[in-house]
């Protein structure tokens, strides 16, 4: 009985690791340029009607300034954003980190 339990635990752990590997290779979608079909295909929990709502919101209000602004679309909440965190972008380059100023020391 212990061996069956160990096998099941091992299989469950392997499944978790395989899901993490799949998540690392997820497709990204730019919510400012994607059409409804692409949003429907790439985003988890977004079907055709919500995808169309995203496009309609974008047309009425302009481009999304951040990924979190997607929550302004009716029917999209924090849990949907959380499930799609690694899939959504608003385009452009990632903001550059500010340079750390170097303190000058007095010459001795």
PDB file of N, CA and C in Angstrom:
ATOM      1  N   UNK A   1       0.805  -1.183   0.000  1.00  0.00           N
ATOM      2  CA  UNK A   1       0.000   0.000   0.000  1.00  0.00           C
ATOM      3  C   UNK A   1       0.861   1.267   0.000  1.00  0.00           C
ATOM      4  N   UNK A   2       1.993   1.216   0.749  1.00  0.00           N
ATOM      5  CA  UNK A   2       2.886   2.366   0.795  1.00  0.00           C
ATOM      6  C   UNK A   2       3.504   2.630  -0.569  1.00  0.00           C
ATOM      7  N   UNK A   3       3.790   1.575  -1.322  1.00  0.00           N
ATOM      8  CA  UNK A   3       4.408   1.759  -2.635  1.00  0.00           C
ATOM      9  C   UNK A   3       3.436   2.421  -3.609  1.00  0.00           C
ATOM     10  N   UNK A   4       2.159   2.087  -3.515  1.00  0.00           N
ATOM     11  CA  UNK A   4       1.163   2.721  -4.383  1.00  0.00           C
ATOM     12  C   UNK A   4       1.042   4.206  -4.036  1.00  0.00           C
ATOM     13  N   UNK A   5       1.055   4.498  -2.753  1.00  0.00           N
ATOM     14  CA  UNK A   5       0.987   5.886  -2.310  1.00  0.00           C
ATOM     15  C   UNK A   5       2.201   6.664  -2.808  1.00  0.00           C
ATOM     16  N   UNK A   6       3.368   6.056  -2.725  1.00  0.00           N
ATOM     17  CA  UNK A   6       4.594   6.702  -3.192  1.00  0.00           C
ATOM     18  C   UNK A   6       4.546   6.940  -4.704  1.00  0.00           C
ATOM     19  N   UNK A   7       4.038   5.978  -5.444  1.00  0.00           N
ATOM     20  CA  UNK A   7       3.923   6.123  -6.896  1.00  0.00           C
ATOM     21  C   UNK A   7       2.965   7.260  -7.244  1.00  0.00           C
ATOM     22  N   UNK A   8       1.834   7.330  -6.563  1.00  0.00           N
ATOM     23  CA  UNK A   8       0.864   8.393  -6.825  1.00  0.00           C
ATOM     24  C   UNK A   8       1.427   9.768  -6.497  1.00  0.00           C
ATOM     25  N   UNK A   9       2.155   9.862  -5.395  1.00  0.00           N
ATOM     26  CA  UNK A   9       2.778  11.134  -5.026  1.00  0.00           C
ATOM     27  C   UNK A   9       3.829  11.540  -6.057  1.00  0.00           C
ATOM     28  N   UNK A  10       4.590  10.573  -6.522  1.00  0.00           N
ATOM     29  CA  UNK A  10       5.610  10.847  -7.536  1.00  0.00           C
ATOM     30  C   UNK A  10       4.974  11.318  -8.842  1.00  0.00           C
ATOM     31  N   UNK A  11       3.898  10.662  -9.232  1.00  0.00           N
ATOM     32  CA  UNK A  11       3.196  11.071 -10.452  1.00  0.00           C
ATOM     33  C   UNK A  11       2.616  12.477 -10.319  1.00  0.00           C
ATOM     34  N   UNK A  12       2.051  12.791  -9.163  1.00  0.00           N
ATOM     35  CA  UNK A  12       1.491  14.124  -8.928  1.00  0.00           C
ATOM     36  C   UNK A  12       2.582  15.184  -9.002  1.00  0.00           C
ATOM     37  N   UNK A  13       3.721  14.898  -8.407  1.00  0.00           N
ATOM     38  CA  UNK A  13       4.839  15.829  -8.447  1.00  0.00           C
ATOM     39  C   UNK A  13       5.347  16.016  -9.874  1.00  0.00           C
ATOM     40  N   UNK A  14       5.440  14.939 -10.619  1.00  0.00           N
ATOM     41  CA  UNK A  14       5.881  15.026 -12.009  1.00  0.00           C
ATOM     42  C   UNK A  14       4.909  15.859 -12.836  1.00  0.00           C
ATOM     43  N   UNK A  15       3.618  15.709 -12.572  1.00  0.00           N
ATOM     44  CA  UNK A  15       2.612  16.493 -13.282  1.00  0.00           C
ATOM     45  C   UNK A  15       2.768  17.975 -12.976  1.00  0.00           C
ATOM     46  N   UNK A  16       3.038  18.302 -11.722  1.00  0.00           N
ATOM     47  CA  UNK A  16       3.248  19.709 -11.341  1.00  0.00           C
ATOM     48  C   UNK A  16       4.441  20.298 -12.083  1.00  0.00           C
ATOM     49  N   UNK A  17       5.534  19.560 -12.137  1.00  0.00           N
ATOM     50  CA  UNK A  17       6.717  20.045 -12.832  1.00  0.00           C
ATOM     51  C   UNK A  17       6.472  20.190 -14.329  1.00  0.00           C
ATOM     52  N   UNK A  18       5.704  19.276 -14.911  1.00  0.00           N
ATOM     53  CA  UNK A  18       5.434  19.373 -16.346  1.00  0.00           C
ATOM     54  C   UNK A  18       4.562  20.590 -16.642  1.00  0.00           C
ATOM     55  N   UNK A  19       3.634  20.930 -15.745  1.00  0.00           N
ATOM     56  CA  UNK A  19       2.798  22.121 -15.931  1.00  0.00           C
ATOM     57  C   UNK A  19       3.638  23.386 -15.838  1.00  0.00           C
ATOM     58  N   UNK A  20       4.613  23.393 -14.939  1.00  0.00           N
ATOM     59  CA  UNK A  20       5.495  24.551 -14.824  1.00  0.00           C
ATOM     60  C   UNK A  20       6.306  24.725 -16.095  1.00  0.00           C
ATOM     61  N   UNK A  21       6.741  23.639 -16.680  1.00  0.00           N
ATOM     62  CA  UNK A  21       7.511  23.695 -17.920  1.00  0.00           C
ATOM     63  C   UNK A  21       6.645  24.227 -19.051  1.00  0.00           C
ATOM     64  N   UNK A  22       5.403  23.772 -19.125  1.00  0.00           N
ATOM     65  CA  UNK A  22       4.508  24.262 -20.166  1.00  0.00           C
ATOM     66  C   UNK A  22       4.214  25.740 -19.991  1.00  0.00           C
ATOM     67  N   UNK A  23       4.052  26.191 -18.761  1.00  0.00           N
ATOM     68  CA  UNK A  23       3.752  27.595 -18.501  1.00  0.00           C
ATOM     69  C   UNK A  23       4.913  28.486 -18.902  1.00  0.00           C
ATOM     70  N   UNK A  24       6.131  27.981 -18.806  1.00  0.00           N
ATOM     71  CA  UNK A  24       7.293  28.784 -19.164  1.00  0.00           C
ATOM     72  C   UNK A  24       7.331  29.089 -20.649  1.00  0.00           C
ATOM     73  N   UNK A  25       6.707  28.280 -21.467  1.00  0.00           N
ATOM     74  CA  UNK A  25       6.726  28.493 -22.908  1.00  0.00           C
ATOM     75  C   UNK A  25       5.419  29.047 -23.447  1.00  0.00           C
ATOM     76  N   UNK A  26       4.679  29.787 -22.631  1.00  0.00           N
ATOM     77  CA  UNK A  26       3.388  30.302 -23.063  1.00  0.00           C
ATOM     78  C   UNK A  26       3.540  31.421 -24.072  1.00  0.00           C
ATOM     79  N   UNK A  27       2.534  31.531 -24.902  1.00  0.00           N
ATOM     80  CA  UNK A  27       2.499  32.574 -25.920  1.00  0.00           C
ATOM     81  C   UNK A  27       2.061  33.889 -25.281  1.00  0.00           C
ATOM     82  N   UNK A  28       2.671  34.968 -25.703  1.00  0.00           N
ATOM     83  CA  UNK A  28       2.324  36.302 -25.224  1.00  0.00           C
ATOM     84  C   UNK A  28       1.349  36.946 -26.203  1.00  0.00           C
ATOM     85  N   UNK A  29       0.482  37.810 -25.680  1.00  0.00           N
ATOM     86  CA  UNK A  29      -0.452  38.539 -26.523  1.00  0.00           C
ATOM     87  C   UNK A  29      -0.457  40.008 -26.097  1.00  0.00           C
ATOM     88  N   UNK A  30      -0.365  40.879 -27.079  1.00  0.00           N
ATOM     89  CA  UNK A  30      -0.426  42.318 -26.840  1.00  0.00           C
ATOM     90  C   UNK A  30      -1.894  42.714 -26.861  1.00  0.00           C
ATOM     91  N   UNK A  31      -2.428  43.114 -25.718  1.00  0.00           N
ATOM     92  CA  UNK A  31      -3.853  43.430 -25.633  1.00  0.00           C
ATOM     93  C   UNK A  31      -4.208  44.727 -26.355  1.00  0.00           C
ATOM     94  N   UNK A  32      -3.209  45.485 -26.788  1.00  0.00           N
ATOM     95  CA  UNK A  32      -3.481  46.713 -27.536  1.00  0.00           C
ATOM     96  C   UNK A  32      -3.540  46.492 -29.039  1.00  0.00           C
ATOM     97  N   UNK A  33      -3.091  45.343 -29.503  1.00  0.00           N
ATOM     98  CA  UNK A  33      -3.076  45.116 -30.952  1.00  0.00           C
ATOM     99  C   UNK A  33      -3.771  43.831 -31.380  1.00  0.00           C
ATOM    100  N   UNK A  34      -3.984  42.913 -30.459  1.00  0.00           N
ATOM    101  CA  UNK A  34      -4.547  41.602 -30.819  1.00  0.00           C
ATOM    102  C   UNK A  34      -6.021  41.710 -31.189  1.00  0.00           C
ATOM    103  N   UNK A  35      -6.427  40.873 -32.137  1.00  0.00           N
ATOM    104  CA  UNK A  35      -7.846  40.804 -32.481  1.00  0.00           C
ATOM    105  C   UNK A  35      -8.540  39.851 -31.512  1.00  0.00           C
ATOM    106  N   UNK A  36      -9.868  39.814 -31.581  1.00  0.00           N
ATOM    107  CA  UNK A  36     -10.649  39.004 -30.651  1.00  0.00           C
ATOM    108  C   UNK A  36     -10.316  37.522 -30.753  1.00  0.00           C
ATOM    109  N   UNK A  37     -10.073  37.036 -31.957  1.00  0.00           N
ATOM    110  CA  UNK A  37      -9.761  35.613 -32.133  1.00  0.00           C
ATOM    111  C   UNK A  37      -8.453  35.248 -31.427  1.00  0.00           C
ATOM    112  N   UNK A  38      -7.463  36.115 -31.500  1.00  0.00           N
ATOM    113  CA  UNK A  38      -6.181  35.857 -30.843  1.00  0.00           C
ATOM    114  C   UNK A  38      -6.330  35.906 -29.327  1.00  0.00           C
ATOM    115  N   UNK A  39      -7.055  36.895 -28.826  1.00  0.00           N
ATOM    116  CA  UNK A  39      -7.293  36.988 -27.383  1.00  0.00           C
ATOM    117  C   UNK A  39      -7.997  35.740 -26.873  1.00  0.00           C
ATOM    118  N   UNK A  40      -8.993  35.280 -27.625  1.00  0.00           N
ATOM    119  CA  UNK A  40      -9.744  34.065 -27.266  1.00  0.00           C
ATOM    120  C   UNK A  40      -8.836  32.846 -27.236  1.00  0.00           C
ATOM    121  N   UNK A  41      -7.933  32.748 -28.195  1.00  0.00           N
ATOM    122  CA  UNK A  41      -7.063  31.582 -28.314  1.00  0.00           C
ATOM    123  C   UNK A  41      -5.969  31.554 -27.252  1.00  0.00           C
ATOM    124  N   UNK A  42      -5.386  32.699 -26.927  1.00  0.00           N
ATOM    125  CA  UNK A  42      -4.203  32.735 -26.064  1.00  0.00           C
ATOM    126  C   UNK A  42      -4.554  32.857 -24.582  1.00  0.00           C
ATOM    127  N   UNK A  43      -5.566  33.616 -24.255  1.00  0.00           N
ATOM    128  CA  UNK A  43      -5.843  33.902 -22.851  1.00  0.00           C
ATOM    129  C   UNK A  43      -6.736  32.841 -22.213  1.00  0.00           C
ATOM    130  N   UNK A  44      -6.368  32.447 -21.013  1.00  0.00           N
ATOM    131  CA  UNK A  44      -7.109  31.444 -20.252  1.00  0.00           C
ATOM    132  C   UNK A  44      -8.326  32.122 -19.621  1.00  0.00           C
ATOM    133  N   UNK A  45      -9.496  31.506 -19.794  1.00  0.00           N
ATOM    134  CA  UNK A  45     -10.717  32.044 -19.201  1.00  0.00           C
ATOM    135  C   UNK A  45     -11.353  33.161 -20.005  1.00  0.00           C
ATOM    136  N   UNK A  46     -10.820  33.426 -21.178  1.00  0.00           N
ATOM    137  CA  UNK A  46     -11.372  34.453 -22.067  1.00  0.00           C
ATOM    138  C   UNK A  46     -11.945  33.746 -23.285  1.00  0.00           C
ATOM    139  N   UNK A  47     -13.246  33.836 -23.415  1.00  0.00           N
ATOM    140  CA  UNK A  47     -13.917  33.250 -24.567  1.00  0.00           C
ATOM    141  C   UNK A  47     -14.186  34.309 -25.615  1.00  0.00           C
ATOM    142  N   UNK A  48     -14.951  33.962 -26.643  1.00  0.00           N
ATOM    143  CA  UNK A  48     -15.221  34.910 -27.728  1.00  0.00           C
ATOM    144  C   UNK A  48     -15.902  36.203 -27.276  1.00  0.00           C
ATOM    145  N   UNK A  49     -16.843  36.113 -26.347  1.00  0.00           N
ATOM    146  CA  UNK A  49     -17.564  37.326 -25.951  1.00  0.00           C
ATOM    147  C   UNK A  49     -16.684  38.269 -25.124  1.00  0.00           C
ATOM    148  N   UNK A  50     -15.882  37.723 -24.218  1.00  0.00           N
ATOM    149  CA  UNK A  50     -14.978  38.577 -23.441  1.00  0.00           C
ATOM    150  C   UNK A  50     -13.867  39.141 -24.323  1.00  0.00           C
ATOM    151  N   UNK A  51     -13.413  38.345 -25.270  1.00  0.00           N
ATOM    152  CA  UNK A  51     -12.385  38.824 -26.195  1.00  0.00           C
ATOM    153  C   UNK A  51     -12.927  40.000 -27.011  1.00  0.00           C
ATOM    154  N   UNK A  52     -14.158  39.879 -27.460  1.00  0.00           N
ATOM    155  CA  UNK A  52     -14.779  40.971 -28.211  1.00  0.00           C
ATOM    156  C   UNK A  52     -14.982  42.194 -27.314  1.00  0.00           C
ATOM    157  N   UNK A  53     -15.298  41.964 -26.038  1.00  0.00           N
ATOM    158  CA  UNK A  53     -15.462  43.072 -25.092  1.00  0.00           C
ATOM    159  C   UNK A  53     -14.138  43.819 -24.891  1.00  0.00           C
ATOM    160  N   UNK A  54     -13.028  43.099 -24.887  1.00  0.00           N
ATOM    161  CA  UNK A  54     -11.708  43.723 -24.757  1.00  0.00           C
ATOM    162  C   UNK A  54     -11.452  44.628 -25.960  1.00  0.00           C
ATOM    163  N   UNK A  55     -11.718  44.117 -27.150  1.00  0.00           N
ATOM    164  CA  UNK A  55     -11.492  44.893 -28.376  1.00  0.00           C
ATOM    165  C   UNK A  55     -12.401  46.125 -28.393  1.00  0.00           C
ATOM    166  N   UNK A  56     -13.667  45.953 -28.018  1.00  0.00           N
ATOM    167  CA  UNK A  56     -14.610  47.072 -28.002  1.00  0.00           C
ATOM    168  C   UNK A  56     -14.188  48.133 -26.978  1.00  0.00           C
ATOM    169  N   UNK A  57     -13.743  47.691 -25.810  1.00  0.00           N
ATOM    170  CA  UNK A  57     -13.280  48.627 -24.777  1.00  0.00           C
ATOM    171  C   UNK A  57     -12.074  49.412 -25.285  1.00  0.00           C
ATOM    172  N   UNK A  58     -11.158  48.720 -25.924  1.00  0.00           N
ATOM    173  CA  UNK A  58      -9.950  49.355 -26.451  1.00  0.00           C
ATOM    174  C   UNK A  58     -10.310  50.394 -27.515  1.00  0.00           C
ATOM    175  N   UNK A  59     -11.263  50.074 -28.378  1.00  0.00           N
ATOM    176  CA  UNK A  59     -11.682  51.025 -29.419  1.00  0.00           C
ATOM    177  C   UNK A  59     -12.358  52.250 -28.809  1.00  0.00           C
ATOM    178  N   UNK A  60     -13.140  52.051 -27.756  1.00  0.00           N
ATOM    179  CA  UNK A  60     -13.863  53.152 -27.129  1.00  0.00           C
ATOM    180  C   UNK A  60     -12.987  54.016 -26.227  1.00  0.00           C
ATOM    181  N   UNK A  61     -11.971  53.398 -25.580  1.00  0.00           N
ATOM    182  CA  UNK A  61     -11.195  54.108 -24.558  1.00  0.00           C
ATOM    183  C   UNK A  61      -9.722  54.304 -24.889  1.00  0.00           C
ATOM    184  N   UNK A  62      -9.272  53.781 -25.991  1.00  0.00           N
ATOM    185  CA  UNK A  62      -7.862  53.890 -26.333  1.00  0.00           C
ATOM    186  C   UNK A  62      -7.058  52.722 -25.785  1.00  0.00           C
ATOM    187  N   UNK A  63      -5.785  52.768 -26.038  1.00  0.00           N
ATOM    188  CA  UNK A  63      -4.882  51.679 -25.662  1.00  0.00           C
ATOM    189  C   UNK A  63      -4.806  51.516 -24.148  1.00  0.00           C
ATOM    190  N   UNK A  64      -4.601  50.267 -23.729  1.00  0.00           N
ATOM    191  CA  UNK A  64      -4.396  49.973 -22.317  1.00  0.00           C
ATOM    192  C   UNK A  64      -3.013  50.479 -21.937  1.00  0.00           C
ATOM    193  N   UNK A  65      -2.930  51.170 -20.820  1.00  0.00           N
ATOM    194  CA  UNK A  65      -1.634  51.695 -20.377  1.00  0.00           C
ATOM    195  C   UNK A  65      -0.856  50.675 -19.551  1.00  0.00           C
ATOM    196  N   UNK A  66      -1.581  49.704 -18.983  1.00  0.00           N
ATOM    197  CA  UNK A  66      -0.937  48.661 -18.193  1.00  0.00           C
ATOM    198  C   UNK A  66      -1.766  47.388 -18.288  1.00  0.00           C
ATOM    199  N   UNK A  67      -1.165  46.283 -17.912  1.00  0.00           N
ATOM    200  CA  UNK A  67      -1.867  45.004 -17.920  1.00  0.00           C
ATOM    201  C   UNK A  67      -3.026  45.038 -16.929  1.00  0.00           C
ATOM    202  N   UNK A  68      -2.828  45.671 -15.788  1.00  0.00           N
ATOM    203  CA  UNK A  68      -3.884  45.725 -14.771  1.00  0.00           C
ATOM    204  C   UNK A  68      -5.101  46.522 -15.245  1.00  0.00           C
ATOM    205  N   UNK A  69      -4.939  47.405 -16.222  1.00  0.00           N
ATOM    206  CA  UNK A  69      -6.065  48.175 -16.758  1.00  0.00           C
ATOM    207  C   UNK A  69      -7.075  47.276 -17.468  1.00  0.00           C
ATOM    208  N   UNK A  70      -6.675  46.069 -17.802  1.00  0.00           N
ATOM    209  CA  UNK A  70      -7.589  45.117 -18.435  1.00  0.00           C
ATOM    210  C   UNK A  70      -8.763  44.795 -17.510  1.00  0.00           C
ATOM    211  N   UNK A  71      -8.568  44.960 -16.203  1.00  0.00           N
ATOM    212  CA  UNK A  71      -9.635  44.705 -15.237  1.00  0.00           C
ATOM    213  C   UNK A  71     -10.770  45.717 -15.355  1.00  0.00           C
ATOM    214  N   UNK A  72     -10.563  46.805 -16.085  1.00  0.00           N
ATOM    215  CA  UNK A  72     -11.620  47.790 -16.317  1.00  0.00           C
ATOM    216  C   UNK A  72     -12.677  47.270 -17.283  1.00  0.00           C
ATOM    217  N   UNK A  73     -12.353  46.218 -18.020  1.00  0.00           N
ATOM    218  CA  UNK A  73     -13.304  45.622 -18.956  1.00  0.00           C
ATOM    219  C   UNK A  73     -14.295  44.786 -18.158  1.00  0.00           C
ATOM    220  N   UNK A  74     -15.586  45.009 -18.388  1.00  0.00           N
ATOM    221  CA  UNK A  74     -16.617  44.277 -17.660  1.00  0.00           C
ATOM    222  C   UNK A  74     -16.440  42.771 -17.879  1.00  0.00           C
ATOM    223  N   UNK A  75     -16.464  42.027 -16.777  1.00  0.00           N
ATOM    224  CA  UNK A  75     -16.343  40.575 -16.837  1.00  0.00           C
ATOM    225  C   UNK A  75     -14.932  40.060 -16.651  1.00  0.00           C
ATOM    226  N   UNK A  76     -13.973  40.971 -16.528  1.00  0.00           N
ATOM    227  CA  UNK A  76     -12.586  40.554 -16.312  1.00  0.00           C
ATOM    228  C   UNK A  76     -12.154  41.054 -14.948  1.00  0.00           C
ATOM    229  N   UNK A  77     -11.783  40.117 -14.108  1.00  0.00           N
ATOM    230  CA  UNK A  77     -11.411  40.470 -12.743  1.00  0.00           C
ATOM    231  C   UNK A  77      -9.994  40.061 -12.414  1.00  0.00           C
ATOM    232  N   UNK A  78      -9.624  40.243 -11.166  1.00  0.00           N
ATOM    233  CA  UNK A  78      -8.263  39.932 -10.723  1.00  0.00           C
ATOM    234  C   UNK A  78      -7.858  38.481 -10.958  1.00  0.00           C
ATOM    235  N   UNK A  79      -8.794  37.551 -10.798  1.00  0.00           N
ATOM    236  CA  UNK A  79      -8.414  36.143 -10.979  1.00  0.00           C
ATOM    237  C   UNK A  79      -8.076  35.855 -12.439  1.00  0.00           C
ATOM    238  N   UNK A  80      -8.770  36.483 -13.361  1.00  0.00           N
ATOM    239  CA  UNK A  80      -8.443  36.306 -14.787  1.00  0.00           C
ATOM    240  C   UNK A  80      -7.079  36.897 -15.087  1.00  0.00           C
ATOM    241  N   UNK A  81      -6.791  38.054 -14.524  1.00  0.00           N
ATOM    242  CA  UNK A  81      -5.471  38.666 -14.726  1.00  0.00           C
ATOM    243  C   UNK A  81      -4.378  37.792 -14.138  1.00  0.00           C
ATOM    244  N   UNK A  82      -4.636  37.221 -12.971  1.00  0.00           N
ATOM    245  CA  UNK A  82      -3.644  36.367 -12.320  1.00  0.00           C
ATOM    246  C   UNK A  82      -3.349  35.122 -13.157  1.00  0.00           C
ATOM    247  N   UNK A  83      -4.401  34.493 -13.686  1.00  0.00           N
ATOM    248  CA  UNK A  83      -4.210  33.285 -14.501  1.00  0.00           C
ATOM    249  C   UNK A  83      -3.446  33.573 -15.787  1.00  0.00           C
ATOM    250  N   UNK A  84      -3.492  34.810 -16.256  1.00  0.00           N
ATOM    251  CA  UNK A  84      -2.870  35.167 -17.527  1.00  0.00           C
ATOM    252  C   UNK A  84      -1.661  36.078 -17.369  1.00  0.00           C
ATOM    253  N   UNK A  85      -1.128  36.161 -16.178  1.00  0.00           N
ATOM    254  CA  UNK A  85      -0.044  37.103 -15.891  1.00  0.00           C
ATOM    255  C   UNK A  85       1.138  36.974 -16.851  1.00  0.00           C
ATOM    256  N   UNK A  86       1.516  35.786 -17.219  1.00  0.00           N
ATOM    257  CA  UNK A  86       2.658  35.608 -18.107  1.00  0.00           C
ATOM    258  C   UNK A  86       2.314  35.642 -19.578  1.00  0.00           C
ATOM    259  N   UNK A  87       1.073  35.901 -19.909  1.00  0.00           N
ATOM    260  CA  UNK A  87       0.629  35.873 -21.300  1.00  0.00           C
ATOM    261  C   UNK A  87       0.321  37.251 -21.864  1.00  0.00           C
ATOM    262  N   UNK A  88       0.106  38.243 -21.001  1.00  0.00           N
ATOM    263  CA  UNK A  88      -0.378  39.549 -21.440  1.00  0.00           C
ATOM    264  C   UNK A  88       0.737  40.582 -21.466  1.00  0.00           C
ATOM    265  N   UNK A  89       0.752  41.374 -22.524  1.00  0.00           N
ATOM    266  CA  UNK A  89       1.648  42.517 -22.615  1.00  0.00           C
ATOM    267  C   UNK A  89       0.872  43.680 -23.214  1.00  0.00           C
ATOM    268  N   UNK A  90       1.350  44.884 -22.961  1.00  0.00           N
ATOM    269  CA  UNK A  90       0.741  46.058 -23.577  1.00  0.00           C
ATOM    270  C   UNK A  90       1.646  46.617 -24.665  1.00  0.00           C
ATOM    271  N   UNK A  91       2.695  45.862 -24.987  1.00  0.00           N
ATOM    272  CA  UNK A  91       3.590  46.233 -26.080  1.00  0.00           C
ATOM    273  C   UNK A  91       4.755  47.069 -25.615  1.00  0.00           C
ATOM    274  N   UNK A  92       5.612  47.349 -26.561  1.00  0.00           N
ATOM    275  CA  UNK A  92       6.793  48.141 -26.255  1.00  0.00           C
ATOM    276  C   UNK A  92       7.818  47.342 -25.489  1.00  0.00           C
ATOM    277  N   UNK A  93       8.900  47.984 -25.197  1.00  0.00           N
ATOM    278  CA  UNK A  93       9.969  47.344 -24.440  1.00  0.00           C
ATOM    279  C   UNK A  93       9.661  47.416 -22.955  1.00  0.00           C
ATOM    280  N   UNK A  94      10.249  46.515 -22.228  1.00  0.00           N
ATOM    281  CA  UNK A  94      10.123  46.563 -20.775  1.00  0.00           C
ATOM    282  C   UNK A  94      10.861  47.799 -20.286  1.00  0.00           C
ATOM    283  N   UNK A  95      10.325  48.477 -19.282  1.00  0.00           N
ATOM    284  CA  UNK A  95      10.996  49.679 -18.809  1.00  0.00           C
ATOM    285  C   UNK A  95      12.390  49.368 -18.308  1.00  0.00           C
ATOM    286  N   UNK A  96      13.313  50.221 -18.658  1.00  0.00           N
ATOM    287  CA  UNK A  96      14.696  50.027 -18.239  1.00  0.00           C
ATOM    288  C   UNK A  96      14.820  50.366 -16.764  1.00  0.00           C
ATOM    289  N   UNK A  97      15.664  49.632 -16.090  1.00  0.00           N
ATOM    290  CA  UNK A  97      15.903  49.919 -14.680  1.00  0.00           C
ATOM    291  C   UNK A  97      16.789  51.155 -14.602  1.00  0.00           C
ATOM    292  N   UNK A  98      16.476  52.053 -13.672  1.00  0.00           N
ATOM    293  CA  UNK A  98      17.313  53.252 -13.555  1.00  0.00           C
ATOM    294  C   UNK A  98      18.713  52.871 -13.100  1.00  0.00           C
ATOM    295  N   UNK A  99      19.673  53.600 -13.612  1.00  0.00           N
ATOM    296  CA  UNK A  99      21.058  53.334 -13.243  1.00  0.00           C
ATOM    297  C   UNK A  99      21.267  53.725 -11.783  1.00  0.00           C
ATOM    298  N   UNK A 100      22.039  52.931 -11.094  1.00  0.00           N
ATOM    299  CA  UNK A 100      22.358  53.230  -9.702  1.00  0.00           C
ATOM    300  C   UNK A 100      23.492  54.240  -9.701  1.00  0.00           C
ATOM    301  N   UNK A 101      23.286  55.384  -9.051  1.00  0.00           N
ATOM    302  CA  UNK A 101      24.354  56.371  -9.045  1.00  0.00           C
ATOM    303  C   UNK A 101      25.582  55.857  -8.306  1.00  0.00           C
ATOM    304  N   UNK A 102      26.727  56.158  -8.844  1.00  0.00           N
ATOM    305  CA  UNK A 102      27.984  55.733  -8.248  1.00  0.00           C
ATOM    306  C   UNK A 102      28.487  56.868  -7.387  1.00  0.00           C
ATOM    307  N   UNK A 103      28.735  56.553  -6.130  1.00  0.00           N
ATOM    308  CA  UNK A 103      29.242  57.589  -5.213  1.00  0.00           C
ATOM    309  C   UNK A 103      30.729  57.771  -5.474  1.00  0.00           C
ATOM    310  N   UNK A 104      31.109  59.031  -5.629  1.00  0.00           N
ATOM    311  CA  UNK A 104      32.511  59.337  -5.841  1.00  0.00           C
ATOM    312  C   UNK A 104      33.166  59.519  -4.481  1.00  0.00           C
ATOM    313  N   UNK A 105      34.323  58.955  -4.369  1.00  0.00           N
ATOM    314  CA  UNK A 105      35.065  59.097  -3.116  1.00  0.00           C
ATOM    315  C   UNK A 105      36.197  60.097  -3.335  1.00  0.00           C
ATOM    316  N   UNK A 106      36.545  60.768  -2.286  1.00  0.00           N
ATOM    317  CA  UNK A 106      37.622  61.755  -2.380  1.00  0.00           C
ATOM    318  C   UNK A 106      38.947  61.057  -2.606  1.00  0.00           C
ATOM    319  N   UNK A 107      39.776  61.653  -3.474  1.00  0.00           N
ATOM    320  CA  UNK A 107      41.100  61.073  -3.760  1.00  0.00           C
ATOM    321  C   UNK A 107      41.993  61.297  -2.561  1.00  0.00           C
ATOM    322  N   UNK A 108      42.784  60.287  -2.259  1.00  0.00           N
ATOM    323  CA  UNK A 108      43.695  60.399  -1.114  1.00  0.00           C
ATOM    324  C   UNK A 108      45.089  60.611  -1.540  1.00  0.00           C
TER     325      UNK A 108
END
